[in-house]
Amino acid sequence: MNQPYFIVVLAHSLHGRLRRIHIPYVFVYVVLALAVFGSFSLFGLATSYLRMSLKVANYNTLRDEVSTLRSRYQRLEKESKQKGVQLASLQLLANEVSVAYGIKRSLEGPSDISSEGRLLPTVSETFEEYNFLRSANIGQHARRSNPIFQSLNMMPGIWPVEGRLMSNFGQRNDPFSGDGAFHSGVDISVPSGTAVKAAADGVVSAAEWAGAYGKLVILDHSNGFRTYYAHMSRFEVVPGQWLKRGEILGRSGATGRVTAPHLHYEVRRGGTAINPHTYLRTTLARAESKRDYGF
């Protein structure tokens, strides 16, 4: 059976011979199909190449951005380290100034409280204390510190607040662990914000955050006597300030290691805690007529 075909006639240019070539239809169709397939393949390769080029361009852009961000991060990290060094230098300078002018002194405390670790104040409390210290005239307070040596009311003789006695001086059960522990002062229950008064004439030795004590004010009455006022909510004095008996030194609160708002009051002599009741007897009889103090 003969297949249809195309005849291609070729003529030689020199001697004029003719040559016929028979090309079947199937061969032509196969060549056309291959040409179409090749065209689609080339189009697919071209589009793939374009997509790859776009991805490479995007990758290069992202790589440049990452490199820029890395450089900025390294620059910011370097600046942060420089600021840290400057801050450390300022803190060292502040400590030296504090020691030179007696603004900040070492804090004494019983082992059962000081071993609990440092309890940091909140940001708002820190700013409040900073703003108060910034606005205080420390030089004027320091100049008024001399009268302590002429004062006749240097012995603790009044209650710093009027409230219910929560815990006595001496051995007690720790309110957190339940174990036996030595209590170096007395706890007087009062609402937060109650005015706390100086028990005797003296100079403010410290007014700062003191770990488990919370906000603590220490008054130096000379002759080795000091009184501690702990868990305050706000300071009304600065270190170096001279106070008379009955003047307000701060407000009670619940800062530090506490279970409820109250004032922790201590009397120390030569750094050793002694029973405050000895120095509260002068006002105890009058106070007992008003309320029950739990004795």
Protein backbone atom coordinates (compact mmCIF):
# COMPACT_ATOMS: atom_id res chain seq x y z
CA MET A 1 0.00 0.00 0.00
CA ASN A 2 1.52 3.26 -1.13
CA GLN A 3 1.77 6.10 1.38
CA PRO A 4 1.19 9.68 0.30
CA TYR A 5 4.31 11.72 0.11
CA PHE A 6 5.84 15.00 -0.97
CA ILE A 7 8.29 15.16 -3.89
CA VAL A 8 11.19 17.59 -3.59
CA VAL A 9 13.05 18.23 -6.88
CA LEU A 10 16.69 19.33 -6.65
CA ALA A 11 18.60 20.63 -9.74
CA HIS A 12 22.37 20.78 -9.94
CA SER A 13 23.64 24.19 -11.00
CA LEU A 14 26.55 22.94 -13.10
CA HIS A 15 25.46 19.96 -15.15
CA GLY A 16 21.73 20.37 -14.78
CA ARG A 17 20.90 16.99 -13.36
CA LEU A 18 17.62 16.69 -11.51
CA ARG A 19 17.11 14.68 -8.37
CA ARG A 20 13.81 13.84 -6.75
CA ILE A 21 13.43 13.18 -3.05
CA HIS A 22 10.30 11.52 -1.70
CA ILE A 23 9.27 12.80 1.78
CA PRO A 24 6.35 10.95 3.43
CA TYR A 25 3.60 12.92 5.11
CA VAL A 26 4.31 11.19 8.42
CA PHE A 27 7.86 12.47 8.44
CA VAL A 28 6.63 16.03 7.86
CA TYR A 29 4.09 15.72 10.63
CA VAL A 30 6.74 14.36 13.01
CA VAL A 31 9.06 17.26 12.20
CA LEU A 32 6.28 19.79 12.79
CA ALA A 33 5.32 18.13 16.07
CA LEU A 34 8.94 18.22 17.21
CA ALA A 35 9.16 21.89 16.22
CA VAL A 36 6.03 22.75 18.22
CA PHE A 37 7.27 20.74 21.21
CA GLY A 38 10.64 22.47 20.98
CA SER A 39 8.97 25.86 20.87
CA PHE A 40 6.97 25.11 24.02
CA SER A 41 10.10 23.76 25.71
CA LEU A 42 12.05 26.88 24.85
CA PHE A 43 9.19 29.05 26.13
CA GLY A 44 9.09 27.08 29.40
CA LEU A 45 12.86 27.36 29.81
CA ALA A 46 12.70 31.08 29.14
CA THR A 47 9.94 31.67 31.71
CA SER A 48 11.77 29.48 34.24
CA TYR A 49 14.91 31.49 33.68
CA LEU A 50 13.00 34.73 34.18
CA ARG A 51 11.45 33.46 37.41
CA MET A 52 14.83 32.32 38.64
CA SER A 53 16.34 35.68 37.75
CA LEU A 54 13.62 37.45 39.76
CA LYS A 55 14.19 35.15 42.75
CA VAL A 56 17.94 35.73 42.58
CA ALA A 57 17.37 39.50 42.42
CA ASN A 58 15.03 39.32 45.44
CA TYR A 59 17.53 37.15 47.28
CA ASN A 60 20.32 39.63 46.59
CA THR A 61 18.09 42.47 47.82
CA LEU A 62 17.26 40.58 51.02
CA ARG A 63 20.92 39.70 51.51
CA ASP A 64 21.86 43.38 51.19
CA GLU A 65 19.14 44.32 53.69
CA VAL A 66 20.33 41.64 56.13
CA SER A 67 23.88 42.91 55.76
CA THR A 68 22.71 46.48 56.42
CA LEU A 69 20.69 45.40 59.47
CA ARG A 70 23.64 43.40 60.78
CA SER A 71 25.89 46.44 60.45
CA ARG A 72 23.32 48.62 62.24
CA TYR A 73 22.94 46.01 65.00
CA GLN A 74 26.71 45.83 65.50
CA ARG A 75 26.87 49.64 65.62
CA LEU A 76 24.01 49.77 68.16
CA GLU A 77 25.63 47.01 70.22
CA LYS A 78 28.88 48.96 70.25
CA GLU A 79 27.05 52.12 71.33
CA SER A 80 25.22 50.12 74.02
CA LYS A 81 28.50 48.84 75.41
CA GLN A 82 29.87 52.38 75.44
CA LYS A 83 26.76 53.59 77.28
CA GLY A 84 27.16 50.73 79.75
CA VAL A 85 30.74 51.76 80.44
CA GLN A 86 29.64 55.38 80.89
CA LEU A 87 26.83 54.30 83.23
CA ALA A 88 29.24 52.19 85.29
CA SER A 89 31.56 55.19 85.55
CA LEU A 90 28.68 57.43 86.66
CA GLN A 91 27.57 54.85 89.24
CA LEU A 92 31.11 54.63 90.58
CA LEU A 93 31.29 58.42 90.75
CA ALA A 94 27.89 58.55 92.49
CA ASN A 95 29.08 56.01 95.08
CA GLU A 96 32.23 58.01 95.70
CA VAL A 97 30.21 61.22 96.11
CA SER A 98 27.76 59.41 98.42
CA VAL A 99 30.56 58.14 100.61
CA ALA A 100 32.31 61.53 100.60
CA TYR A 101 29.19 63.43 101.71
CA GLY A 102 27.68 60.73 103.89
CA ILE A 103 24.55 60.45 101.78
CA LYS A 104 24.64 56.66 101.65
CA ARG A 105 26.12 54.39 104.26
CA SER A 106 26.36 50.66 104.83
CA LEU A 107 23.15 48.99 106.00
CA GLU A 108 23.08 46.70 109.03
CA GLY A 109 20.46 44.02 109.40
CA PRO A 110 19.69 40.78 111.22
CA SER A 111 20.70 37.55 109.52
CA ASP A 112 17.13 36.20 109.29
CA ILE A 113 16.06 39.16 107.11
CA SER A 114 19.20 40.14 105.22
CA SER A 115 19.72 36.54 104.05
CA GLU A 116 16.42 36.51 102.17
CA GLY A 117 18.04 38.23 99.17
CA ARG A 118 17.42 41.59 97.60
CA LEU A 119 13.86 42.58 96.74
CA LEU A 120 13.94 45.26 94.06
CA PRO A 121 11.55 48.23 94.07
CA THR A 122 9.15 48.85 91.21
CA VAL A 123 9.87 51.34 88.43
CA SER A 124 7.31 53.82 89.80
CA GLU A 125 8.84 53.63 93.29
CA THR A 126 12.30 54.19 91.85
CA PHE A 127 11.19 57.28 89.91
CA GLU A 128 9.30 58.59 92.95
CA GLU A 129 12.41 58.31 95.12
CA TYR A 130 14.58 59.84 92.38
CA ASN A 131 12.28 62.83 91.91
CA PHE A 132 12.12 63.39 95.66
CA LEU A 133 15.92 63.26 96.08
CA ARG A 134 16.41 65.51 93.05
CA SER A 135 14.11 68.19 94.49
CA ALA A 136 15.51 68.02 98.06
CA ASN A 137 18.00 70.60 99.33
CA ILE A 138 20.57 68.19 100.76
CA GLY A 139 23.06 70.93 101.57
CA GLN A 140 20.54 72.69 103.79
CA HIS A 141 19.69 69.44 105.56
CA ALA A 142 23.36 68.69 106.09
CA ARG A 143 23.95 72.12 107.64
CA ARG A 144 21.15 71.42 110.10
CA SER A 145 22.69 68.15 111.29
CA ASN A 146 24.84 69.72 114.01
CA PRO A 147 22.04 70.26 116.59
CA ILE A 148 22.03 66.53 117.37
CA PHE A 149 24.87 67.15 119.77
CA GLN A 150 22.83 69.75 121.71
CA SER A 151 19.48 67.87 121.68
CA LEU A 152 17.92 66.63 124.92
CA ASN A 153 15.45 64.24 123.22
CA MET A 154 17.97 61.81 121.79
CA MET A 155 16.52 58.69 123.46
CA PRO A 156 13.56 56.95 121.73
CA GLY A 157 10.51 57.82 123.79
CA ILE A 158 7.34 57.77 121.65
CA TRP A 159 5.52 55.37 119.38
CA PRO A 160 6.34 56.08 115.73
CA VAL A 161 2.70 55.22 114.83
CA GLU A 162 -0.45 54.38 116.75
CA GLY A 163 -1.74 50.93 115.81
CA ARG A 164 -2.20 47.34 116.87
CA LEU A 165 0.93 45.39 117.81
CA MET A 166 1.19 42.45 115.41
CA SER A 167 4.48 40.88 116.51
CA ASN A 168 6.73 41.36 119.56
CA PHE A 169 10.49 41.47 119.89
CA GLY A 170 12.30 38.13 120.22
CA GLN A 171 11.58 34.59 119.06
CA ARG A 172 8.55 33.99 116.87
CA ASN A 173 7.34 31.80 113.99
CA ASP A 174 8.38 33.16 110.61
CA PRO A 175 5.18 34.21 108.75
CA PHE A 176 6.51 32.78 105.47
CA SER A 177 8.29 29.55 106.41
CA GLY A 178 6.60 28.84 109.75
CA ASP A 179 10.00 28.08 111.34
CA GLY A 180 11.23 29.67 114.53
CA ALA A 181 13.13 32.90 113.93
CA PHE A 182 14.41 35.90 115.86
CA HIS A 183 12.40 39.07 115.36
CA SER A 184 14.65 42.10 115.81
CA GLY A 185 11.88 44.63 116.37
CA VAL A 186 8.12 45.06 116.70
CA ASP A 187 5.47 45.12 113.97
CA ILE A 188 2.71 47.69 114.36
CA SER A 189 -0.35 47.28 112.13
CA VAL A 190 -1.45 50.53 110.45
CA PRO A 191 -3.06 51.35 107.10
CA SER A 192 -0.80 52.23 104.18
CA GLY A 193 -0.02 55.94 104.04
CA THR A 194 -0.07 56.47 107.83
CA ALA A 195 2.37 59.16 108.93
CA VAL A 196 5.46 57.69 110.64
CA LYS A 197 7.09 59.93 113.24
CA ALA A 198 10.65 60.05 114.57
CA ALA A 199 10.88 58.40 117.98
CA ALA A 200 13.64 60.79 119.05
CA ASP A 201 15.81 63.63 117.77
CA GLY A 202 18.34 62.44 115.25
CA VAL A 203 19.94 62.58 111.82
CA VAL A 204 18.68 60.49 108.90
CA SER A 205 21.44 57.96 108.34
CA ALA A 206 19.70 56.16 105.45
CA ALA A 207 16.51 56.51 103.42
CA GLU A 208 16.63 53.85 100.73
CA TRP A 209 15.43 50.47 99.51
CA ALA A 210 16.91 47.72 101.70
CA GLY A 211 15.86 44.30 100.40
CA ALA A 212 13.50 42.50 102.77
CA TYR A 213 13.09 45.73 104.77
CA GLY A 214 11.58 47.41 101.69
CA LYS A 215 11.80 51.17 101.95
CA LEU A 216 13.79 51.80 105.13
CA VAL A 217 14.62 54.93 107.14
CA ILE A 218 17.38 54.81 109.76
CA LEU A 219 17.76 57.58 112.34
CA ASP A 220 21.06 58.06 114.17
CA HIS A 221 20.54 59.41 117.69
CA SER A 222 24.27 59.34 118.63
CA ASN A 223 25.61 57.44 121.67
CA GLY A 224 25.31 54.32 119.48
CA PHE A 225 21.50 54.45 119.30
CA ARG A 226 19.69 54.01 116.01
CA THR A 227 16.03 53.41 115.17
CA TYR A 228 14.80 51.56 112.07
CA TYR A 229 11.49 52.26 110.29
CA ALA A 230 10.85 49.57 107.64
CA HIS A 231 8.29 48.69 104.93
CA MET A 232 7.58 52.36 104.21
CA SER A 233 5.57 53.39 101.16
CA ARG A 234 7.14 56.85 100.77
CA PHE A 235 10.05 58.86 102.12
CA GLU A 236 9.60 62.37 103.51
CA VAL A 237 13.28 62.83 104.42
CA VAL A 238 16.71 62.50 102.84
CA PRO A 239 20.02 61.23 104.27
CA GLY A 240 21.73 63.87 106.38
CA GLN A 241 18.48 65.60 107.38
CA TRP A 242 17.99 66.60 111.02
CA LEU A 243 14.67 65.56 112.63
CA LYS A 244 13.10 66.34 115.94
CA ARG A 245 11.05 63.89 117.96
CA GLY A 246 7.56 63.61 116.53
CA GLU A 247 8.40 64.98 113.06
CA ILE A 248 7.16 62.95 110.12
CA LEU A 249 9.84 60.95 108.29
CA GLY A 250 7.63 59.01 105.84
CA ARG A 251 4.48 57.02 105.23
CA SER A 252 3.82 53.41 106.23
CA GLY A 253 3.25 50.77 103.58
CA ALA A 254 3.86 47.17 102.56
CA THR A 255 7.17 47.20 100.69
CA GLY A 256 9.73 44.44 101.04
CA ARG A 257 9.06 41.08 102.70
CA VAL A 258 5.62 41.54 104.25
CA THR A 259 2.22 39.85 104.41
CA ALA A 260 0.18 42.98 105.19
CA PRO A 261 0.70 46.74 105.57
CA HIS A 262 2.47 47.57 108.84
CA LEU A 263 5.49 49.37 110.30
CA HIS A 264 8.51 47.35 111.41
CA TYR A 265 10.21 49.35 114.19
CA GLU A 266 13.63 48.56 115.65
CA VAL A 267 15.88 50.10 118.29
CA ARG A 268 19.59 49.31 118.00
CA ARG A 269 22.50 50.15 120.22
CA GLY A 270 26.02 49.60 118.93
CA GLY A 271 24.52 47.72 115.98
CA THR A 272 22.70 45.19 118.22
CA ALA A 273 18.91 45.05 118.24
CA ILE A 274 17.35 45.61 121.67
CA ASN A 275 13.75 45.37 122.88
CA PRO A 276 11.86 48.54 121.87
CA HIS A 277 9.36 48.08 124.72
CA THR A 278 11.92 49.55 127.13
CA TYR A 279 11.67 52.86 125.27
CA LEU A 280 7.93 52.73 124.66
CA ARG A 281 6.81 52.60 128.29
CA THR A 282 6.61 56.38 128.56
CA THR A 283 3.73 56.46 126.03
CA LEU A 284 2.37 52.95 126.51
CA ALA A 285 0.00 53.80 129.38
CA ARG A 286 -1.62 56.59 127.39
CA ALA A 287 -1.85 54.44 124.25
CA GLU A 288 -3.40 51.48 126.07
CA SER A 289 -6.32 53.65 127.15
CA LYS A 290 -7.19 54.17 123.46
CA ARG A 291 -6.68 50.70 121.94
CA ASP A 292 -5.48 47.17 122.55
CA TYR A 293 -1.83 46.56 121.67
CA GLY A 294 -1.86 42.81 122.19
CA PHE A 295 0.43 42.49 125.23
